[in-house]
Amino acid sequence: MFTGIVEELGEVTAVEELGDASRFRLRGPKVTAGAQHGDSIAVNGVCLTVVEHEGEEFTADVMAETLKRSSLGALATGSRVNLERPTAVGGRLGGHIVQGHVDGTGAILARTPSEHWEIVKVSLPDGLGRYVVEKGSITVDGVSLTVVEAGPDWFTISLIPTTLALTTLGTKQPGDPVNLEVDVIAKYVERLLAHGGEAAR
């Protein structure tokens, strides 16, 4: 489990196309410290498994389903990425419960700068709007954020200087894709209500 508190702005150092999958090599000195084969690291909000680890870099395989559902397929050598290790049991839950299971991709629609923060408007793919509520939590490219406004197919977020400086959201421009993960609690509640409050059989 992750919390959406990005630890490091990393970089893609190589991409190998494997037909129905891709293999990424990524650099992140902080998240690779003590990393081992089989560990999980979130890359732009997508939970990936460490296949190889050497120095400040690690390699991860990305299957077709993940490439289809997320924006990882658009990454190239030199792309910057948000990196986060799983939270330790008993650790601080600084953001919210993030699984690293992307629900879909949106796109940056507009950026409205202010003196001390920036409002960013993001589109929502079909079917996700019902899970997004004003002042609720959402994960955008692996960053835990609070929804400012929620429309039928869009939402806005307010980014503080720290988020702008230390994550990919500081450089995303209108039209750029972002990975979205809605609050998993909302999905469980919906599932339970659909079955009259009883667990699905």
C-alpha atoms as a PDB file:
ATOM      1  CA  MET A   1       0.000   0.000   0.000  1.00  0.00           C
ATOM      2  CA  PHE A   2       1.102   3.549  -0.768  1.00  0.00           C
ATOM      3  CA  THR A   3       0.026   6.914   0.601  1.00  0.00           C
ATOM      4  CA  GLY A   4       0.456   9.198  -2.409  1.00  0.00           C
ATOM      5  CA  ILE A   5       3.302  11.142  -0.805  1.00  0.00           C
ATOM      6  CA  VAL A   6       5.913  11.180  -3.571  1.00  0.00           C
ATOM      7  CA  GLU A   7       9.403  10.499  -2.238  1.00  0.00           C
ATOM      8  CA  GLU A   8      11.435  11.330  -5.275  1.00  0.00           C
ATOM      9  CA  LEU A   9      11.330  12.719  -8.801  1.00  0.00           C
ATOM     10  CA  GLY A  10      13.049   9.974 -10.791  1.00  0.00           C
ATOM     11  CA  GLU A  11      13.952   9.461 -14.425  1.00  0.00           C
ATOM     12  CA  VAL A  12      13.412   6.806 -17.089  1.00  0.00           C
ATOM     13  CA  THR A  13      16.865   5.735 -18.311  1.00  0.00           C
ATOM     14  CA  ALA A  14      15.794   3.060 -20.827  1.00  0.00           C
ATOM     15  CA  VAL A  15      12.669   1.541 -22.369  1.00  0.00           C
ATOM     16  CA  GLU A  16      12.653  -1.886 -24.034  1.00  0.00           C
ATOM     17  CA  GLU A  17       9.593  -2.816 -26.107  1.00  0.00           C
ATOM     18  CA  LEU A  18       8.663  -6.496 -25.688  1.00  0.00           C
ATOM     19  CA  GLY A  19       5.627  -6.735 -27.958  1.00  0.00           C
ATOM     20  CA  ASP A  20       2.851  -7.262 -25.429  1.00  0.00           C
ATOM     21  CA  ALA A  21       4.856  -5.665 -22.613  1.00  0.00           C
ATOM     22  CA  SER A  22       7.625  -3.157 -21.920  1.00  0.00           C
ATOM     23  CA  ARG A  23      10.638  -3.180 -19.636  1.00  0.00           C
ATOM     24  CA  PHE A  24      11.575   0.088 -17.973  1.00  0.00           C
ATOM     25  CA  ARG A  25      14.841   1.029 -16.307  1.00  0.00           C
ATOM     26  CA  LEU A  26      14.454   3.905 -13.889  1.00  0.00           C
ATOM     27  CA  ARG A  27      16.786   5.957 -11.732  1.00  0.00           C
ATOM     28  CA  GLY A  28      15.838   6.910  -8.196  1.00  0.00           C
ATOM     29  CA  PRO A  29      18.619   7.001  -5.567  1.00  0.00           C
ATOM     30  CA  LYS A  30      16.219   7.280  -2.630  1.00  0.00           C
ATOM     31  CA  VAL A  31      13.704   4.580  -3.543  1.00  0.00           C
ATOM     32  CA  THR A  32      16.412   2.132  -4.609  1.00  0.00           C
ATOM     33  CA  ALA A  33      18.247   2.372  -1.280  1.00  0.00           C
ATOM     34  CA  GLY A  34      17.875  -1.120   0.138  1.00  0.00           C
ATOM     35  CA  ALA A  35      15.649  -2.269  -2.746  1.00  0.00           C
ATOM     36  CA  GLN A  36      15.519  -5.980  -3.506  1.00  0.00           C
ATOM     37  CA  HIS A  37      14.128  -8.198  -6.239  1.00  0.00           C
ATOM     38  CA  GLY A  38      10.345  -8.441  -5.843  1.00  0.00           C
ATOM     39  CA  ASP A  39       9.898  -5.151  -3.995  1.00  0.00           C
ATOM     40  CA  SER A  40       7.152  -2.765  -5.074  1.00  0.00           C
ATOM     41  CA  ILE A  41       7.726   0.823  -6.186  1.00  0.00           C
ATOM     42  CA  ALA A  42       5.003   3.146  -7.450  1.00  0.00           C
ATOM     43  CA  VAL A  43       5.891   4.879 -10.727  1.00  0.00           C
ATOM     44  CA  ASN A  44       3.517   7.748 -11.536  1.00  0.00           C
ATOM     45  CA  GLY A  45       1.003   6.004  -9.317  1.00  0.00           C
ATOM     46  CA  VAL A  46       1.401   2.534 -10.855  1.00  0.00           C
ATOM     47  CA  CYS A  47       2.605  -0.230  -8.554  1.00  0.00           C
ATOM     48  CA  LEU A  48       5.511  -1.992 -10.299  1.00  0.00           C
ATOM     49  CA  THR A  49       7.713  -4.873  -9.185  1.00  0.00           C
ATOM     50  CA  VAL A  50      11.488  -4.553  -9.037  1.00  0.00           C
ATOM     51  CA  VAL A  51      12.967  -7.147 -11.407  1.00  0.00           C
ATOM     52  CA  GLU A  52      16.579  -6.011 -11.221  1.00  0.00           C
ATOM     53  CA  HIS A  53      18.386  -3.479  -9.058  1.00  0.00           C
ATOM     54  CA  GLU A  54      21.836  -2.047  -9.580  1.00  0.00           C
ATOM     55  CA  GLY A  55      23.208   1.103  -7.975  1.00  0.00           C
ATOM     56  CA  GLU A  56      20.657   3.907  -8.212  1.00  0.00           C
ATOM     57  CA  GLU A  57      18.570   2.184 -10.889  1.00  0.00           C
ATOM     58  CA  PHE A  58      15.931  -0.523 -10.991  1.00  0.00           C
ATOM     59  CA  THR A  59      14.163  -2.407 -13.764  1.00  0.00           C
ATOM     60  CA  ALA A  60      10.446  -3.217 -13.912  1.00  0.00           C
ATOM     61  CA  ASP A  61       8.262  -5.084 -16.396  1.00  0.00           C
ATOM     62  CA  VAL A  62       4.959  -3.513 -17.456  1.00  0.00           C
ATOM     63  CA  MET A  63       2.320  -5.821 -18.961  1.00  0.00           C
ATOM     64  CA  ALA A  64      -0.161  -4.900 -21.702  1.00  0.00           C
ATOM     65  CA  GLU A  65      -3.074  -4.340 -19.289  1.00  0.00           C
ATOM     66  CA  THR A  66      -1.058  -1.746 -17.367  1.00  0.00           C
ATOM     67  CA  LEU A  67       0.118  -0.036 -20.548  1.00  0.00           C
ATOM     68  CA  LYS A  68      -3.493   0.108 -21.765  1.00  0.00           C
ATOM     69  CA  ARG A  69      -4.974   1.452 -18.537  1.00  0.00           C
ATOM     70  CA  SER A  70      -2.215   3.910 -17.584  1.00  0.00           C
ATOM     71  CA  SER A  71      -0.026   6.538 -19.230  1.00  0.00           C
ATOM     72  CA  LEU A  72       3.189   4.541 -18.753  1.00  0.00           C
ATOM     73  CA  GLY A  73       3.177   3.642 -22.447  1.00  0.00           C
ATOM     74  CA  ALA A  74       3.871   7.296 -23.249  1.00  0.00           C
ATOM     75  CA  LEU A  75       7.098   7.339 -21.213  1.00  0.00           C
ATOM     76  CA  ALA A  76      10.424   7.535 -23.036  1.00  0.00           C
ATOM     77  CA  THR A  77      14.062   7.730 -22.078  1.00  0.00           C
ATOM     78  CA  GLY A  78      14.549  10.957 -20.145  1.00  0.00           C
ATOM     79  CA  SER A  79      10.955  11.195 -18.890  1.00  0.00           C
ATOM     80  CA  ARG A  80      10.634  12.309 -15.276  1.00  0.00           C
ATOM     81  CA  VAL A  81       8.468  10.158 -13.000  1.00  0.00           C
ATOM     82  CA  ASN A  82       7.050  10.285  -9.481  1.00  0.00           C
ATOM     83  CA  LEU A  83       8.439   7.509  -7.276  1.00  0.00           C
ATOM     84  CA  GLU A  84       7.216   6.154  -3.949  1.00  0.00           C
ATOM     85  CA  ARG A  85       8.011   3.062  -1.892  1.00  0.00           C
ATOM     86  CA  PRO A  86       5.202   1.257  -0.031  1.00  0.00           C
ATOM     87  CA  THR A  87       4.454   2.553   3.433  1.00  0.00           C
ATOM     88  CA  ALA A  88       5.748   0.441   6.298  1.00  0.00           C
ATOM     89  CA  VAL A  89       3.281  -1.113   8.721  1.00  0.00           C
ATOM     90  CA  GLY A  90       2.904   1.360  11.561  1.00  0.00           C
ATOM     91  CA  GLY A  91       4.178   4.213   9.399  1.00  0.00           C
ATOM     92  CA  ARG A  92       2.460   7.563   8.965  1.00  0.00           C
ATOM     93  CA  LEU A  93      -0.423   7.686   6.499  1.00  0.00           C
ATOM     94  CA  GLY A  94       0.431  11.150   5.203  1.00  0.00           C
ATOM     95  CA  GLY A  95      -1.891  11.077   2.199  1.00  0.00           C
ATOM     96  CA  HIS A  96      -4.646   8.475   1.834  1.00  0.00           C
ATOM     97  CA  ILE A  97      -4.900   4.764   1.020  1.00  0.00           C
ATOM     98  CA  VAL A  98      -3.388   4.328  -2.451  1.00  0.00           C
ATOM     99  CA  GLN A  99      -3.162   0.868  -4.008  1.00  0.00           C
ATOM    100  CA  GLY A 100      -1.137   1.728  -7.080  1.00  0.00           C
ATOM    101  CA  HIS A 101      -3.937   0.254  -9.217  1.00  0.00           C
ATOM    102  CA  VAL A 102      -4.718   2.939 -11.784  1.00  0.00           C
ATOM    103  CA  ASP A 103      -8.411   3.245 -12.709  1.00  0.00           C
ATOM    104  CA  GLY A 104      -7.815   5.193 -15.902  1.00  0.00           C
ATOM    105  CA  THR A 105      -6.166   8.230 -17.407  1.00  0.00           C
ATOM    106  CA  GLY A 106      -7.287  11.826 -17.573  1.00  0.00           C
ATOM    107  CA  ALA A 107      -5.694  14.831 -19.211  1.00  0.00           C
ATOM    108  CA  ILE A 108      -4.662  18.253 -17.999  1.00  0.00           C
ATOM    109  CA  LEU A 109      -7.327  20.668 -19.260  1.00  0.00           C
ATOM    110  CA  ALA A 110      -6.101  23.967 -17.843  1.00  0.00           C
ATOM    111  CA  ARG A 111      -3.692  25.544 -15.368  1.00  0.00           C
ATOM    112  CA  THR A 112      -4.531  28.720 -13.462  1.00  0.00           C
ATOM    113  CA  PRO A 113      -1.494  30.125 -11.628  1.00  0.00           C
ATOM    114  CA  SER A 114      -1.735  32.193  -8.466  1.00  0.00           C
ATOM    115  CA  GLU A 115       0.899  33.872  -6.337  1.00  0.00           C
ATOM    116  CA  HIS A 116       1.359  30.936  -3.977  1.00  0.00           C
ATOM    117  CA  TRP A 117      -0.413  27.981  -5.595  1.00  0.00           C
ATOM    118  CA  GLU A 118      -1.862  26.761  -8.875  1.00  0.00           C
ATOM    119  CA  ILE A 119      -5.291  25.405  -9.762  1.00  0.00           C
ATOM    120  CA  VAL A 120      -5.205  22.537 -12.249  1.00  0.00           C
ATOM    121  CA  LYS A 121      -8.267  21.198 -14.075  1.00  0.00           C
ATOM    122  CA  VAL A 122      -8.197  17.520 -15.073  1.00  0.00           C
ATOM    123  CA  SER A 123     -10.568  15.507 -17.253  1.00  0.00           C
ATOM    124  CA  LEU A 124     -12.187  12.303 -16.020  1.00  0.00           C
ATOM    125  CA  PRO A 125     -12.706   9.200 -18.190  1.00  0.00           C
ATOM    126  CA  ASP A 126     -16.191   7.709 -18.443  1.00  0.00           C
ATOM    127  CA  GLY A 127     -17.336   5.948 -15.294  1.00  0.00           C
ATOM    128  CA  LEU A 128     -15.048   7.596 -12.759  1.00  0.00           C
ATOM    129  CA  GLY A 129     -16.946  10.815 -12.067  1.00  0.00           C
ATOM    130  CA  ARG A 130     -19.247   9.138  -9.544  1.00  0.00           C
ATOM    131  CA  TYR A 131     -16.281   8.370  -7.280  1.00  0.00           C
ATOM    132  CA  VAL A 132     -14.932  11.933  -7.183  1.00  0.00           C
ATOM    133  CA  VAL A 133     -16.378  14.350  -4.632  1.00  0.00           C
ATOM    134  CA  GLU A 134     -15.522  17.844  -3.500  1.00  0.00           C
ATOM    135  CA  LYS A 135     -12.925  17.741  -0.686  1.00  0.00           C
ATOM    136  CA  GLY A 136     -12.450  14.026  -1.277  1.00  0.00           C
ATOM    137  CA  SER A 137      -9.151  12.343  -2.102  1.00  0.00           C
ATOM    138  CA  ILE A 138      -7.822  11.375  -5.530  1.00  0.00           C
ATOM    139  CA  THR A 139      -4.442  10.204  -6.765  1.00  0.00           C
ATOM    140  CA  VAL A 140      -3.013  11.998  -9.821  1.00  0.00           C
ATOM    141  CA  ASP A 141       0.209  10.503 -11.221  1.00  0.00           C
ATOM    142  CA  GLY A 142       0.787   8.965  -7.808  1.00  0.00           C
ATOM    143  CA  VAL A 143       0.238  12.184  -5.862  1.00  0.00           C
ATOM    144  CA  SER A 144      -2.417  12.193  -3.126  1.00  0.00           C
ATOM    145  CA  LEU A 145      -4.515  15.327  -3.617  1.00  0.00           C
ATOM    146  CA  THR A 146      -7.723  16.918  -2.375  1.00  0.00           C
ATOM    147  CA  VAL A 147     -10.450  17.627  -4.903  1.00  0.00           C
ATOM    148  CA  VAL A 148     -11.376  21.330  -4.956  1.00  0.00           C
ATOM    149  CA  GLU A 149     -14.317  21.117  -7.380  1.00  0.00           C
ATOM    150  CA  ALA A 150     -15.932  18.068  -8.960  1.00  0.00           C
ATOM    151  CA  GLY A 151     -17.778  18.253 -12.279  1.00  0.00           C
ATOM    152  CA  PRO A 152     -19.454  15.439 -14.243  1.00  0.00           C
ATOM    153  CA  ASP A 153     -16.332  14.709 -16.308  1.00  0.00           C
ATOM    154  CA  TRP A 154     -13.651  16.889 -14.706  1.00  0.00           C
ATOM    155  CA  PHE A 155     -12.245  17.991 -11.367  1.00  0.00           C
ATOM    156  CA  THR A 156      -9.824  20.595 -10.078  1.00  0.00           C
ATOM    157  CA  ILE A 157      -6.933  20.339  -7.649  1.00  0.00           C
ATOM    158  CA  SER A 158      -4.855  23.007  -5.917  1.00  0.00           C
ATOM    159  CA  LEU A 159      -1.091  22.515  -6.003  1.00  0.00           C
ATOM    160  CA  ILE A 160       1.206  24.072  -3.410  1.00  0.00           C
ATOM    161  CA  PRO A 161       4.788  25.114  -4.314  1.00  0.00           C
ATOM    162  CA  THR A 162       6.236  21.894  -2.850  1.00  0.00           C
ATOM    163  CA  THR A 163       4.074  19.723  -5.098  1.00  0.00           C
ATOM    164  CA  LEU A 164       4.883  21.889  -8.118  1.00  0.00           C
ATOM    165  CA  ALA A 165       8.621  21.643  -7.441  1.00  0.00           C
ATOM    166  CA  LEU A 166       8.959  17.998  -6.389  1.00  0.00           C
ATOM    167  CA  THR A 167       6.539  16.118  -8.683  1.00  0.00           C
ATOM    168  CA  THR A 168       5.786  15.816 -12.386  1.00  0.00           C
ATOM    169  CA  LEU A 169       2.620  17.870 -11.861  1.00  0.00           C
ATOM    170  CA  GLY A 170       4.753  21.002 -11.849  1.00  0.00           C
ATOM    171  CA  THR A 171       5.564  20.601 -15.543  1.00  0.00           C
ATOM    172  CA  LYS A 172       2.484  18.878 -16.982  1.00  0.00           C
ATOM    173  CA  GLN A 173       0.809  21.004 -19.658  1.00  0.00           C
ATOM    174  CA  PRO A 174      -2.736  21.046 -21.110  1.00  0.00           C
ATOM    175  CA  GLY A 175      -3.214  17.894 -23.136  1.00  0.00           C
ATOM    176  CA  ASP A 176      -0.716  15.824 -21.136  1.00  0.00           C
ATOM    177  CA  PRO A 177      -2.086  12.520 -19.766  1.00  0.00           C
ATOM    178  CA  VAL A 178      -2.137  11.695 -16.045  1.00  0.00           C
ATOM    179  CA  ASN A 179      -2.845   8.470 -14.177  1.00  0.00           C
ATOM    180  CA  LEU A 180      -5.899   8.521 -11.922  1.00  0.00           C
ATOM    181  CA  GLU A 181      -6.786   6.309  -8.974  1.00  0.00           C
ATOM    182  CA  VAL A 182     -10.019   7.087  -7.157  1.00  0.00           C
ATOM    183  CA  ASP A 183     -10.625   6.377  -3.484  1.00  0.00           C
ATOM    184  CA  VAL A 184     -10.949   2.589  -3.140  1.00  0.00           C
ATOM    185  CA  ILE A 185     -13.379   3.012  -0.223  1.00  0.00           C
ATOM    186  CA  ALA A 186     -15.907   4.622  -2.588  1.00  0.00           C
ATOM    187  CA  LYS A 187     -15.735   1.608  -4.900  1.00  0.00           C
ATOM    188  CA  TYR A 188     -16.289  -0.845  -2.059  1.00  0.00           C
ATOM    189  CA  VAL A 189     -19.264   1.158  -0.764  1.00  0.00           C
ATOM    190  CA  GLU A 190     -20.818   1.194  -4.234  1.00  0.00           C
ATOM    191  CA  ARG A 191     -20.356  -2.572  -4.584  1.00  0.00           C
ATOM    192  CA  LEU A 192     -21.939  -3.257  -1.202  1.00  0.00           C
ATOM    193  CA  LEU A 193     -24.928  -0.959  -1.848  1.00  0.00           C
ATOM    194  CA  ALA A 194     -25.523  -2.634  -5.214  1.00  0.00           C
ATOM    195  CA  HIS A 195     -26.061  -5.889  -3.322  1.00  0.00           C
ATOM    196  CA  GLY A 196     -28.401  -4.501  -0.695  1.00  0.00           C
ATOM    197  CA  GLY A 197     -25.653  -4.008   1.844  1.00  0.00           C
ATOM    198  CA  GLU A 198     -24.611  -7.668   1.689  1.00  0.00           C
ATOM    199  CA  ALA A 199     -21.284  -8.916   0.412  1.00  0.00           C
ATOM    200  CA  ALA A 200     -21.401 -10.081  -3.208  1.00  0.00           C
ATOM    201  CA  ARG A 201     -21.826 -13.819  -3.606  1.00  0.00           C
END
